[in-house]
C-alpha atoms as a PDB file:
ATOM      1  CA  UNK A   1       0.000   0.000   0.000  1.00  0.00           C
ATOM      2  CA  UNK A   2       1.288   3.442  -0.988  1.00  0.00           C
ATOM      3  CA  UNK A   3       0.025   6.955  -0.271  1.00  0.00           C
ATOM      4  CA  UNK A   4       0.037   9.563  -3.042  1.00  0.00           C
ATOM      5  CA  UNK A   5      -0.681  13.292  -3.026  1.00  0.00           C
ATOM      6  CA  UNK A   6      -1.702  15.363  -6.043  1.00  0.00           C
ATOM      7  CA  UNK A   7      -3.402  18.736  -6.467  1.00  0.00           C
ATOM      8  CA  UNK A   8      -5.084  21.225  -8.797  1.00  0.00           C
ATOM      9  CA  UNK A   9      -6.444  18.805 -11.353  1.00  0.00           C
ATOM     10  CA  UNK A  10      -8.745  21.476 -12.819  1.00  0.00           C
ATOM     11  CA  UNK A  11     -10.620  19.134 -15.109  1.00  0.00           C
ATOM     12  CA  UNK A  12      -7.472  17.565 -16.575  1.00  0.00           C
ATOM     13  CA  UNK A  13      -8.954  14.078 -16.635  1.00  0.00           C
ATOM     14  CA  UNK A  14      -6.715  12.748 -19.403  1.00  0.00           C
ATOM     15  CA  UNK A  15      -3.583  13.609 -17.434  1.00  0.00           C
ATOM     16  CA  UNK A  16      -5.075  12.289 -14.187  1.00  0.00           C
ATOM     17  CA  UNK A  17      -5.917   8.945 -15.784  1.00  0.00           C
ATOM     18  CA  UNK A  18      -2.416   8.794 -17.246  1.00  0.00           C
ATOM     19  CA  UNK A  19      -1.008   9.451 -13.774  1.00  0.00           C
ATOM     20  CA  UNK A  20      -3.032   6.595 -12.291  1.00  0.00           C
ATOM     21  CA  UNK A  21      -1.558   4.315 -14.942  1.00  0.00           C
ATOM     22  CA  UNK A  22       1.964   5.623 -14.368  1.00  0.00           C
ATOM     23  CA  UNK A  23       1.920   4.994 -10.619  1.00  0.00           C
ATOM     24  CA  UNK A  24       0.003   1.724 -11.096  1.00  0.00           C
ATOM     25  CA  UNK A  25      -2.629   2.917  -8.651  1.00  0.00           C
ATOM     26  CA  UNK A  26      -4.648   0.055  -7.178  1.00  0.00           C
ATOM     27  CA  UNK A  27      -7.300  -0.683  -4.571  1.00  0.00           C
ATOM     28  CA  UNK A  28      -4.707  -0.981  -1.801  1.00  0.00           C
ATOM     29  CA  UNK A  29      -3.249   2.496  -2.394  1.00  0.00           C
ATOM     30  CA  UNK A  30      -4.571   5.839  -1.208  1.00  0.00           C
ATOM     31  CA  UNK A  31      -4.550   9.169  -2.996  1.00  0.00           C
ATOM     32  CA  UNK A  32      -5.201  12.609  -1.539  1.00  0.00           C
ATOM     33  CA  UNK A  33      -6.233  15.371  -3.945  1.00  0.00           C
ATOM     34  CA  UNK A  34      -5.242  18.678  -2.336  1.00  0.00           C
ATOM     35  CA  UNK A  35      -7.962  20.804  -3.856  1.00  0.00           C
ATOM     36  CA  UNK A  36      -9.325  22.188  -7.099  1.00  0.00           C
ATOM     37  CA  UNK A  37     -10.682  19.238  -9.026  1.00  0.00           C
ATOM     38  CA  UNK A  38     -12.905  21.522 -11.093  1.00  0.00           C
ATOM     39  CA  UNK A  39     -12.857  24.528 -13.453  1.00  0.00           C
ATOM     40  CA  UNK A  40     -10.639  25.793 -16.250  1.00  0.00           C
ATOM     41  CA  UNK A  41     -10.073  22.363 -17.837  1.00  0.00           C
ATOM     42  CA  UNK A  42     -12.328  20.373 -20.137  1.00  0.00           C
ATOM     43  CA  UNK A  43     -13.648  17.535 -17.976  1.00  0.00           C
ATOM     44  CA  UNK A  44     -14.358  18.856 -14.486  1.00  0.00           C
ATOM     45  CA  UNK A  45     -17.530  16.925 -13.748  1.00  0.00           C
ATOM     46  CA  UNK A  46     -16.439  13.576 -15.279  1.00  0.00           C
ATOM     47  CA  UNK A  47     -13.205  13.891 -13.286  1.00  0.00           C
ATOM     48  CA  UNK A  48     -15.070  14.648 -10.074  1.00  0.00           C
ATOM     49  CA  UNK A  49     -17.356  11.670 -10.674  1.00  0.00           C
ATOM     50  CA  UNK A  50     -14.342   9.445 -11.227  1.00  0.00           C
ATOM     51  CA  UNK A  51     -12.878  10.546  -7.906  1.00  0.00           C
ATOM     52  CA  UNK A  52     -16.235  10.017  -6.192  1.00  0.00           C
ATOM     53  CA  UNK A  53     -16.315   6.443  -7.489  1.00  0.00           C
ATOM     54  CA  UNK A  54     -13.076   5.545  -5.657  1.00  0.00           C
ATOM     55  CA  UNK A  55     -13.241   5.011  -1.912  1.00  0.00           C
ATOM     56  CA  UNK A  56      -9.461   5.339  -1.740  1.00  0.00           C
ATOM     57  CA  UNK A  57      -9.234   8.757  -3.460  1.00  0.00           C
ATOM     58  CA  UNK A  58      -9.968  11.618  -1.052  1.00  0.00           C
ATOM     59  CA  UNK A  59     -10.645  15.295  -1.748  1.00  0.00           C
ATOM     60  CA  UNK A  60      -9.371  18.143   0.387  1.00  0.00           C
ATOM     61  CA  UNK A  61     -11.272  21.261  -0.631  1.00  0.00           C
ATOM     62  CA  UNK A  62      -9.739  24.074  -2.626  1.00  0.00           C
ATOM     63  CA  UNK A  63     -11.353  27.383  -3.520  1.00  0.00           C
ATOM     64  CA  UNK A  64     -12.816  26.007  -6.760  1.00  0.00           C
ATOM     65  CA  UNK A  65     -14.394  23.057  -4.949  1.00  0.00           C
ATOM     66  CA  UNK A  66     -15.889  25.491  -2.424  1.00  0.00           C
ATOM     67  CA  UNK A  67     -17.471  27.430  -5.279  1.00  0.00           C
ATOM     68  CA  UNK A  68     -19.101  24.357  -6.802  1.00  0.00           C
ATOM     69  CA  UNK A  69     -20.376  23.195  -3.414  1.00  0.00           C
ATOM     70  CA  UNK A  70     -21.766  26.665  -2.696  1.00  0.00           C
ATOM     71  CA  UNK A  71     -23.818  26.805  -5.886  1.00  0.00           C
ATOM     72  CA  UNK A  72     -24.871  23.166  -6.339  1.00  0.00           C
ATOM     73  CA  UNK A  73     -28.378  23.655  -4.989  1.00  0.00           C
ATOM     74  CA  UNK A  74     -28.874  26.884  -6.918  1.00  0.00           C
ATOM     75  CA  UNK A  75     -27.874  25.137 -10.140  1.00  0.00           C
ATOM     76  CA  UNK A  76     -30.222  22.248  -9.370  1.00  0.00           C
ATOM     77  CA  UNK A  77     -33.077  24.677  -8.712  1.00  0.00           C
ATOM     78  CA  UNK A  78     -32.406  26.481 -11.983  1.00  0.00           C
ATOM     79  CA  UNK A  79     -32.320  23.176 -13.845  1.00  0.00           C
ATOM     80  CA  UNK A  80     -35.523  22.004 -12.174  1.00  0.00           C
ATOM     81  CA  UNK A  81     -37.583  25.150 -12.807  1.00  0.00           C
ATOM     82  CA  UNK A  82     -35.815  26.340 -15.954  1.00  0.00           C
ATOM     83  CA  UNK A  83     -35.144  29.656 -14.246  1.00  0.00           C
ATOM     84  CA  UNK A  84     -32.203  31.956 -14.666  1.00  0.00           C
ATOM     85  CA  UNK A  85     -29.619  32.194 -11.898  1.00  0.00           C
ATOM     86  CA  UNK A  86     -29.067  35.379  -9.918  1.00  0.00           C
ATOM     87  CA  UNK A  87     -25.651  36.493 -11.111  1.00  0.00           C
ATOM     88  CA  UNK A  88     -24.080  37.806  -7.932  1.00  0.00           C
ATOM     89  CA  UNK A  89     -20.549  39.204  -7.947  1.00  0.00           C
ATOM     90  CA  UNK A  90     -19.272  36.013  -6.319  1.00  0.00           C
ATOM     91  CA  UNK A  91     -20.972  33.785  -8.882  1.00  0.00           C
ATOM     92  CA  UNK A  92     -19.632  35.894 -11.739  1.00  0.00           C
ATOM     93  CA  UNK A  93     -16.159  35.725 -10.218  1.00  0.00           C
ATOM     94  CA  UNK A  94     -16.367  31.924 -10.298  1.00  0.00           C
ATOM     95  CA  UNK A  95     -17.963  31.515 -13.710  1.00  0.00           C
ATOM     96  CA  UNK A  96     -16.406  34.312 -15.720  1.00  0.00           C
ATOM     97  CA  UNK A  97     -12.995  34.899 -14.169  1.00  0.00           C
ATOM     98  CA  UNK A  98     -12.114  31.477 -12.751  1.00  0.00           C
ATOM     99  CA  UNK A  99     -13.210  29.019 -15.405  1.00  0.00           C
ATOM    100  CA  UNK A 100     -16.462  27.890 -13.843  1.00  0.00           C
ATOM    101  CA  UNK A 101     -18.660  28.059 -16.938  1.00  0.00           C
ATOM    102  CA  UNK A 102     -17.649  24.663 -18.311  1.00  0.00           C
ATOM    103  CA  UNK A 103     -18.148  23.094 -14.882  1.00  0.00           C
ATOM    104  CA  UNK A 104     -21.619  24.609 -14.654  1.00  0.00           C
ATOM    105  CA  UNK A 105     -22.541  23.462 -18.169  1.00  0.00           C
ATOM    106  CA  UNK A 106     -21.391  19.902 -17.473  1.00  0.00           C
ATOM    107  CA  UNK A 107     -23.268  19.867 -14.166  1.00  0.00           C
ATOM    108  CA  UNK A 108     -26.466  21.101 -15.810  1.00  0.00           C
ATOM    109  CA  UNK A 109     -26.225  18.327 -18.420  1.00  0.00           C
ATOM    110  CA  UNK A 110     -26.428  15.640 -15.703  1.00  0.00           C
ATOM    111  CA  UNK A 111     -29.645  13.990 -14.648  1.00  0.00           C
ATOM    112  CA  UNK A 112     -31.033  14.926 -11.249  1.00  0.00           C
ATOM    113  CA  UNK A 113     -29.765  11.882  -9.314  1.00  0.00           C
ATOM    114  CA  UNK A 114     -26.220  12.607 -10.528  1.00  0.00           C
ATOM    115  CA  UNK A 115     -26.570  16.268  -9.506  1.00  0.00           C
ATOM    116  CA  UNK A 116     -27.707  15.306  -6.033  1.00  0.00           C
ATOM    117  CA  UNK A 117     -24.933  12.716  -5.725  1.00  0.00           C
ATOM    118  CA  UNK A 118     -22.388  15.482  -6.341  1.00  0.00           C
ATOM    119  CA  UNK A 119     -24.139  17.854  -3.959  1.00  0.00           C
ATOM    120  CA  UNK A 120     -24.142  15.264  -1.181  1.00  0.00           C
ATOM    121  CA  UNK A 121     -20.514  14.367  -1.820  1.00  0.00           C
ATOM    122  CA  UNK A 122     -19.440  18.007  -1.591  1.00  0.00           C
ATOM    123  CA  UNK A 123     -21.345  18.529   1.649  1.00  0.00           C
ATOM    124  CA  UNK A 124     -18.754  16.355   3.372  1.00  0.00           C
ATOM    125  CA  UNK A 125     -16.187  19.135   3.241  1.00  0.00           C
ATOM    126  CA  UNK A 126     -12.611  18.362   4.286  1.00  0.00           C
ATOM    127  CA  UNK A 127     -10.296  21.377   4.506  1.00  0.00           C
ATOM    128  CA  UNK A 128      -7.095  19.774   5.814  1.00  0.00           C
ATOM    129  CA  UNK A 129      -5.650  16.398   6.695  1.00  0.00           C
ATOM    130  CA  UNK A 130      -2.801  15.187   8.876  1.00  0.00           C
ATOM    131  CA  UNK A 131      -1.033  12.037   7.724  1.00  0.00           C
ATOM    132  CA  UNK A 132       1.781  10.076   9.341  1.00  0.00           C
ATOM    133  CA  UNK A 133       3.786   7.973   6.890  1.00  0.00           C
ATOM    134  CA  UNK A 134       6.862   6.027   7.993  1.00  0.00           C
ATOM    135  CA  UNK A 135       7.146   8.162  11.108  1.00  0.00           C
ATOM    136  CA  UNK A 136       6.985  11.470   9.207  1.00  0.00           C
ATOM    137  CA  UNK A 137       4.059  13.817   9.797  1.00  0.00           C
ATOM    138  CA  UNK A 138       2.442  15.693   6.916  1.00  0.00           C
ATOM    139  CA  UNK A 139      -0.230  18.400   6.853  1.00  0.00           C
ATOM    140  CA  UNK A 140      -2.197  18.661   3.611  1.00  0.00           C
ATOM    141  CA  UNK A 141      -3.871  22.032   2.921  1.00  0.00           C
ATOM    142  CA  UNK A 142      -4.905  23.459  -0.420  1.00  0.00           C
ATOM    143  CA  UNK A 143      -3.571  27.012  -0.119  1.00  0.00           C
ATOM    144  CA  UNK A 144      -1.505  27.059   3.050  1.00  0.00           C
ATOM    145  CA  UNK A 145      -1.398  28.853   6.371  1.00  0.00           C
ATOM    146  CA  UNK A 146      -0.466  32.346   7.464  1.00  0.00           C
ATOM    147  CA  UNK A 147       1.535  33.282  10.545  1.00  0.00           C
ATOM    148  CA  UNK A 148      -1.372  34.681  12.569  1.00  0.00           C
ATOM    149  CA  UNK A 149      -3.110  31.307  12.561  1.00  0.00           C
ATOM    150  CA  UNK A 150      -0.264  29.238  13.951  1.00  0.00           C
ATOM    151  CA  UNK A 151       1.351  28.766  17.315  1.00  0.00           C
ATOM    152  CA  UNK A 152       1.600  26.214  20.071  1.00  0.00           C
ATOM    153  CA  UNK A 153      -2.045  26.671  21.103  1.00  0.00           C
ATOM    154  CA  UNK A 154      -3.547  27.067  17.630  1.00  0.00           C
ATOM    155  CA  UNK A 155      -5.770  24.285  16.349  1.00  0.00           C
ATOM    156  CA  UNK A 156      -6.389  23.727  12.656  1.00  0.00           C
ATOM    157  CA  UNK A 157     -10.136  23.726  13.306  1.00  0.00           C
ATOM    158  CA  UNK A 158      -9.791  27.396  14.288  1.00  0.00           C
ATOM    159  CA  UNK A 159      -8.274  28.474  10.957  1.00  0.00           C
ATOM    160  CA  UNK A 160     -10.889  30.149   8.717  1.00  0.00           C
ATOM    161  CA  UNK A 161     -11.838  28.368   5.503  1.00  0.00           C
ATOM    162  CA  UNK A 162     -10.914  31.516   3.584  1.00  0.00           C
ATOM    163  CA  UNK A 163      -7.282  31.131   4.663  1.00  0.00           C
ATOM    164  CA  UNK A 164      -7.067  27.404   3.989  1.00  0.00           C
ATOM    165  CA  UNK A 165      -8.410  27.645   0.438  1.00  0.00           C
ATOM    166  CA  UNK A 166      -7.277  31.129  -0.656  1.00  0.00           C
ATOM    167  CA  UNK A 167      -3.971  32.032   1.061  1.00  0.00           C
ATOM    168  CA  UNK A 168      -0.985  32.845  -1.160  1.00  0.00           C
ATOM    169  CA  UNK A 169       2.265  31.904   0.516  1.00  0.00           C
ATOM    170  CA  UNK A 170       5.975  31.987  -0.248  1.00  0.00           C
ATOM    171  CA  UNK A 171       8.214  29.090  -1.129  1.00  0.00           C
ATOM    172  CA  UNK A 172       9.406  28.619   2.462  1.00  0.00           C
ATOM    173  CA  UNK A 173       6.234  29.663   4.320  1.00  0.00           C
ATOM    174  CA  UNK A 174       5.518  26.787   6.668  1.00  0.00           C
ATOM    175  CA  UNK A 175       4.659  28.137  10.118  1.00  0.00           C
ATOM    176  CA  UNK A 176       3.825  24.620  11.371  1.00  0.00           C
ATOM    177  CA  UNK A 177       6.610  23.274  13.535  1.00  0.00           C
ATOM    178  CA  UNK A 178       5.829  19.580  13.675  1.00  0.00           C
ATOM    179  CA  UNK A 179       4.771  18.636  10.136  1.00  0.00           C
ATOM    180  CA  UNK A 180       5.777  18.924   6.512  1.00  0.00           C
ATOM    181  CA  UNK A 181       3.206  21.174   4.826  1.00  0.00           C
ATOM    182  CA  UNK A 182       1.948  20.100   1.388  1.00  0.00           C
ATOM    183  CA  UNK A 183       0.060  22.728  -0.614  1.00  0.00           C
ATOM    184  CA  UNK A 184      -1.233  23.436  -4.099  1.00  0.00           C
ATOM    185  CA  UNK A 185      -3.189  26.517  -5.228  1.00  0.00           C
ATOM    186  CA  UNK A 186      -0.322  28.568  -6.672  1.00  0.00           C
ATOM    187  CA  UNK A 187       1.216  26.962  -9.796  1.00  0.00           C
ATOM    188  CA  UNK A 188       4.914  26.422  -9.225  1.00  0.00           C
ATOM    189  CA  UNK A 189       5.942  28.346 -12.352  1.00  0.00           C
ATOM    190  CA  UNK A 190       4.707  31.521 -10.642  1.00  0.00           C
ATOM    191  CA  UNK A 191       7.602  31.176  -8.183  1.00  0.00           C
ATOM    192  CA  UNK A 192      10.121  31.348 -11.024  1.00  0.00           C
ATOM    193  CA  UNK A 193      10.832  29.831 -14.449  1.00  0.00           C
ATOM    194  CA  UNK A 194      13.221  27.339 -12.876  1.00  0.00           C
ATOM    195  CA  UNK A 195      10.227  25.684 -11.222  1.00  0.00           C
ATOM    196  CA  UNK A 196       8.126  25.181 -14.370  1.00  0.00           C
ATOM    197  CA  UNK A 197       6.335  21.847 -14.249  1.00  0.00           C
ATOM    198  CA  UNK A 198       8.133  20.767 -11.066  1.00  0.00           C
ATOM    199  CA  UNK A 199       7.288  20.170  -7.431  1.00  0.00           C
ATOM    200  CA  UNK A 200       9.017  22.715  -5.199  1.00  0.00           C
ATOM    201  CA  UNK A 201      10.774  21.632  -2.019  1.00  0.00           C
ATOM    202  CA  UNK A 202      10.952  24.586   0.351  1.00  0.00           C
ATOM    203  CA  UNK A 203      13.512  25.276   3.034  1.00  0.00           C
ATOM    204  CA  UNK A 204      14.765  22.120   4.753  1.00  0.00           C
ATOM    205  CA  UNK A 205      12.093  20.167   2.880  1.00  0.00           C
ATOM    206  CA  UNK A 206       9.473  21.312   5.398  1.00  0.00           C
ATOM    207  CA  UNK A 207       7.038  22.498   2.702  1.00  0.00           C
ATOM    208  CA  UNK A 208       6.149  21.075  -0.712  1.00  0.00           C
ATOM    209  CA  UNK A 209       4.321  23.004  -3.438  1.00  0.00           C
ATOM    210  CA  UNK A 210       2.766  20.427  -5.754  1.00  0.00           C
ATOM    211  CA  UNK A 211       0.567  22.399  -8.189  1.00  0.00           C
ATOM    212  CA  UNK A 212       2.722  21.997 -11.288  1.00  0.00           C
ATOM    213  CA  UNK A 213       0.338  23.966 -13.512  1.00  0.00           C
ATOM    214  CA  UNK A 214      -1.186  21.199 -15.606  1.00  0.00           C
ATOM    215  CA  UNK A 215      -4.150  23.224 -16.853  1.00  0.00           C
ATOM    216  CA  UNK A 216      -1.712  26.027 -17.752  1.00  0.00           C
ATOM    217  CA  UNK A 217       0.236  23.784 -20.100  1.00  0.00           C
ATOM    218  CA  UNK A 218       3.013  22.612 -17.783  1.00  0.00           C
ATOM    219  CA  UNK A 219       2.642  19.240 -16.028  1.00  0.00           C
ATOM    220  CA  UNK A 220       0.672  17.225 -13.525  1.00  0.00           C
ATOM    221  CA  UNK A 221       2.821  16.338 -10.544  1.00  0.00           C
ATOM    222  CA  UNK A 222       2.276  13.670  -7.905  1.00  0.00           C
ATOM    223  CA  UNK A 223       4.351  12.588  -4.925  1.00  0.00           C
ATOM    224  CA  UNK A 224       4.425   9.244  -3.113  1.00  0.00           C
ATOM    225  CA  UNK A 225       4.827   9.915   0.582  1.00  0.00           C
ATOM    226  CA  UNK A 226       6.251   6.507   1.420  1.00  0.00           C
ATOM    227  CA  UNK A 227       9.559   7.270  -0.307  1.00  0.00           C
ATOM    228  CA  UNK A 228       9.025  10.868  -1.565  1.00  0.00           C
ATOM    229  CA  UNK A 229       9.306   9.769  -5.184  1.00  0.00           C
ATOM    230  CA  UNK A 230       7.883  12.254  -7.689  1.00  0.00           C
ATOM    231  CA  UNK A 231       5.890  11.444 -10.819  1.00  0.00           C
ATOM    232  CA  UNK A 232       5.010  13.720 -13.730  1.00  0.00           C
ATOM    233  CA  UNK A 233       2.632  13.680 -16.687  1.00  0.00           C
ATOM    234  CA  UNK A 234       3.090  16.320 -19.430  1.00  0.00           C
ATOM    235  CA  UNK A 235       0.094  18.561 -19.967  1.00  0.00           C
ATOM    236  CA  UNK A 236      -2.021  18.282 -23.110  1.00  0.00           C
ATOM    237  CA  UNK A 237      -3.052  21.927 -22.686  1.00  0.00           C
ATOM    238  CA  UNK A 238      -1.221  24.773 -24.451  1.00  0.00           C
ATOM    239  CA  UNK A 239       0.721  27.301 -22.420  1.00  0.00           C
ATOM    240  CA  UNK A 240      -1.337  30.507 -22.564  1.00  0.00           C
ATOM    241  CA  UNK A 241       0.197  33.013 -24.952  1.00  0.00           C
ATOM    242  CA  UNK A 242       2.844  30.597 -26.198  1.00  0.00           C
ATOM    243  CA  UNK A 243       2.733  28.827 -29.537  1.00  0.00           C
ATOM    244  CA  UNK A 244       3.342  25.125 -29.627  1.00  0.00           C
END
């Protein structure tokens, strides 16, 4: 049995399936997806349904997953009554500026039992997870933590959702003293061209940034916690603004 961590799939189902083949993922393994299954890519809902079908693949919420969960019932109501949706600023931010339109369209094409299955699945919201593998402690969070929410008396349950799914942190920003922090959210190429398509190991290997920017044309990265081996699948998406 092996434990794998991956993040920011963003509808990249082809690359995700290729990763499962590459690591020879089986029923005895476990995989943790550190947020953002949906949006921007082509196959958000089929990918989410694939994850839902595996008891040994677990989702830790990212900001895009929060958005879908927030609007599931509203989308179901609109589908049921053929009504338009109230386009609030938050909904427009998701759909128009963060790639949510394709997710919404795919969701609306489902039958009602499938819609409710997704809604129920997303109601079981997990925002962080501690793992202990071979004596090493890991903390999995989509976006990261900020200094004001850490300390000897701070509990993870006290950290606001907004921080856990939206924080933007530096390469070495792990304020947790007793665990290796694993985060996604910010594609690694944003930290510098030398990190394009690669997992970043922060200072003293106490923090790992694993969003390798698959939907932005770089790569899908995955790490096996048992031996810290890294795996990569090239993206099938073009790099924005760059000719292939």
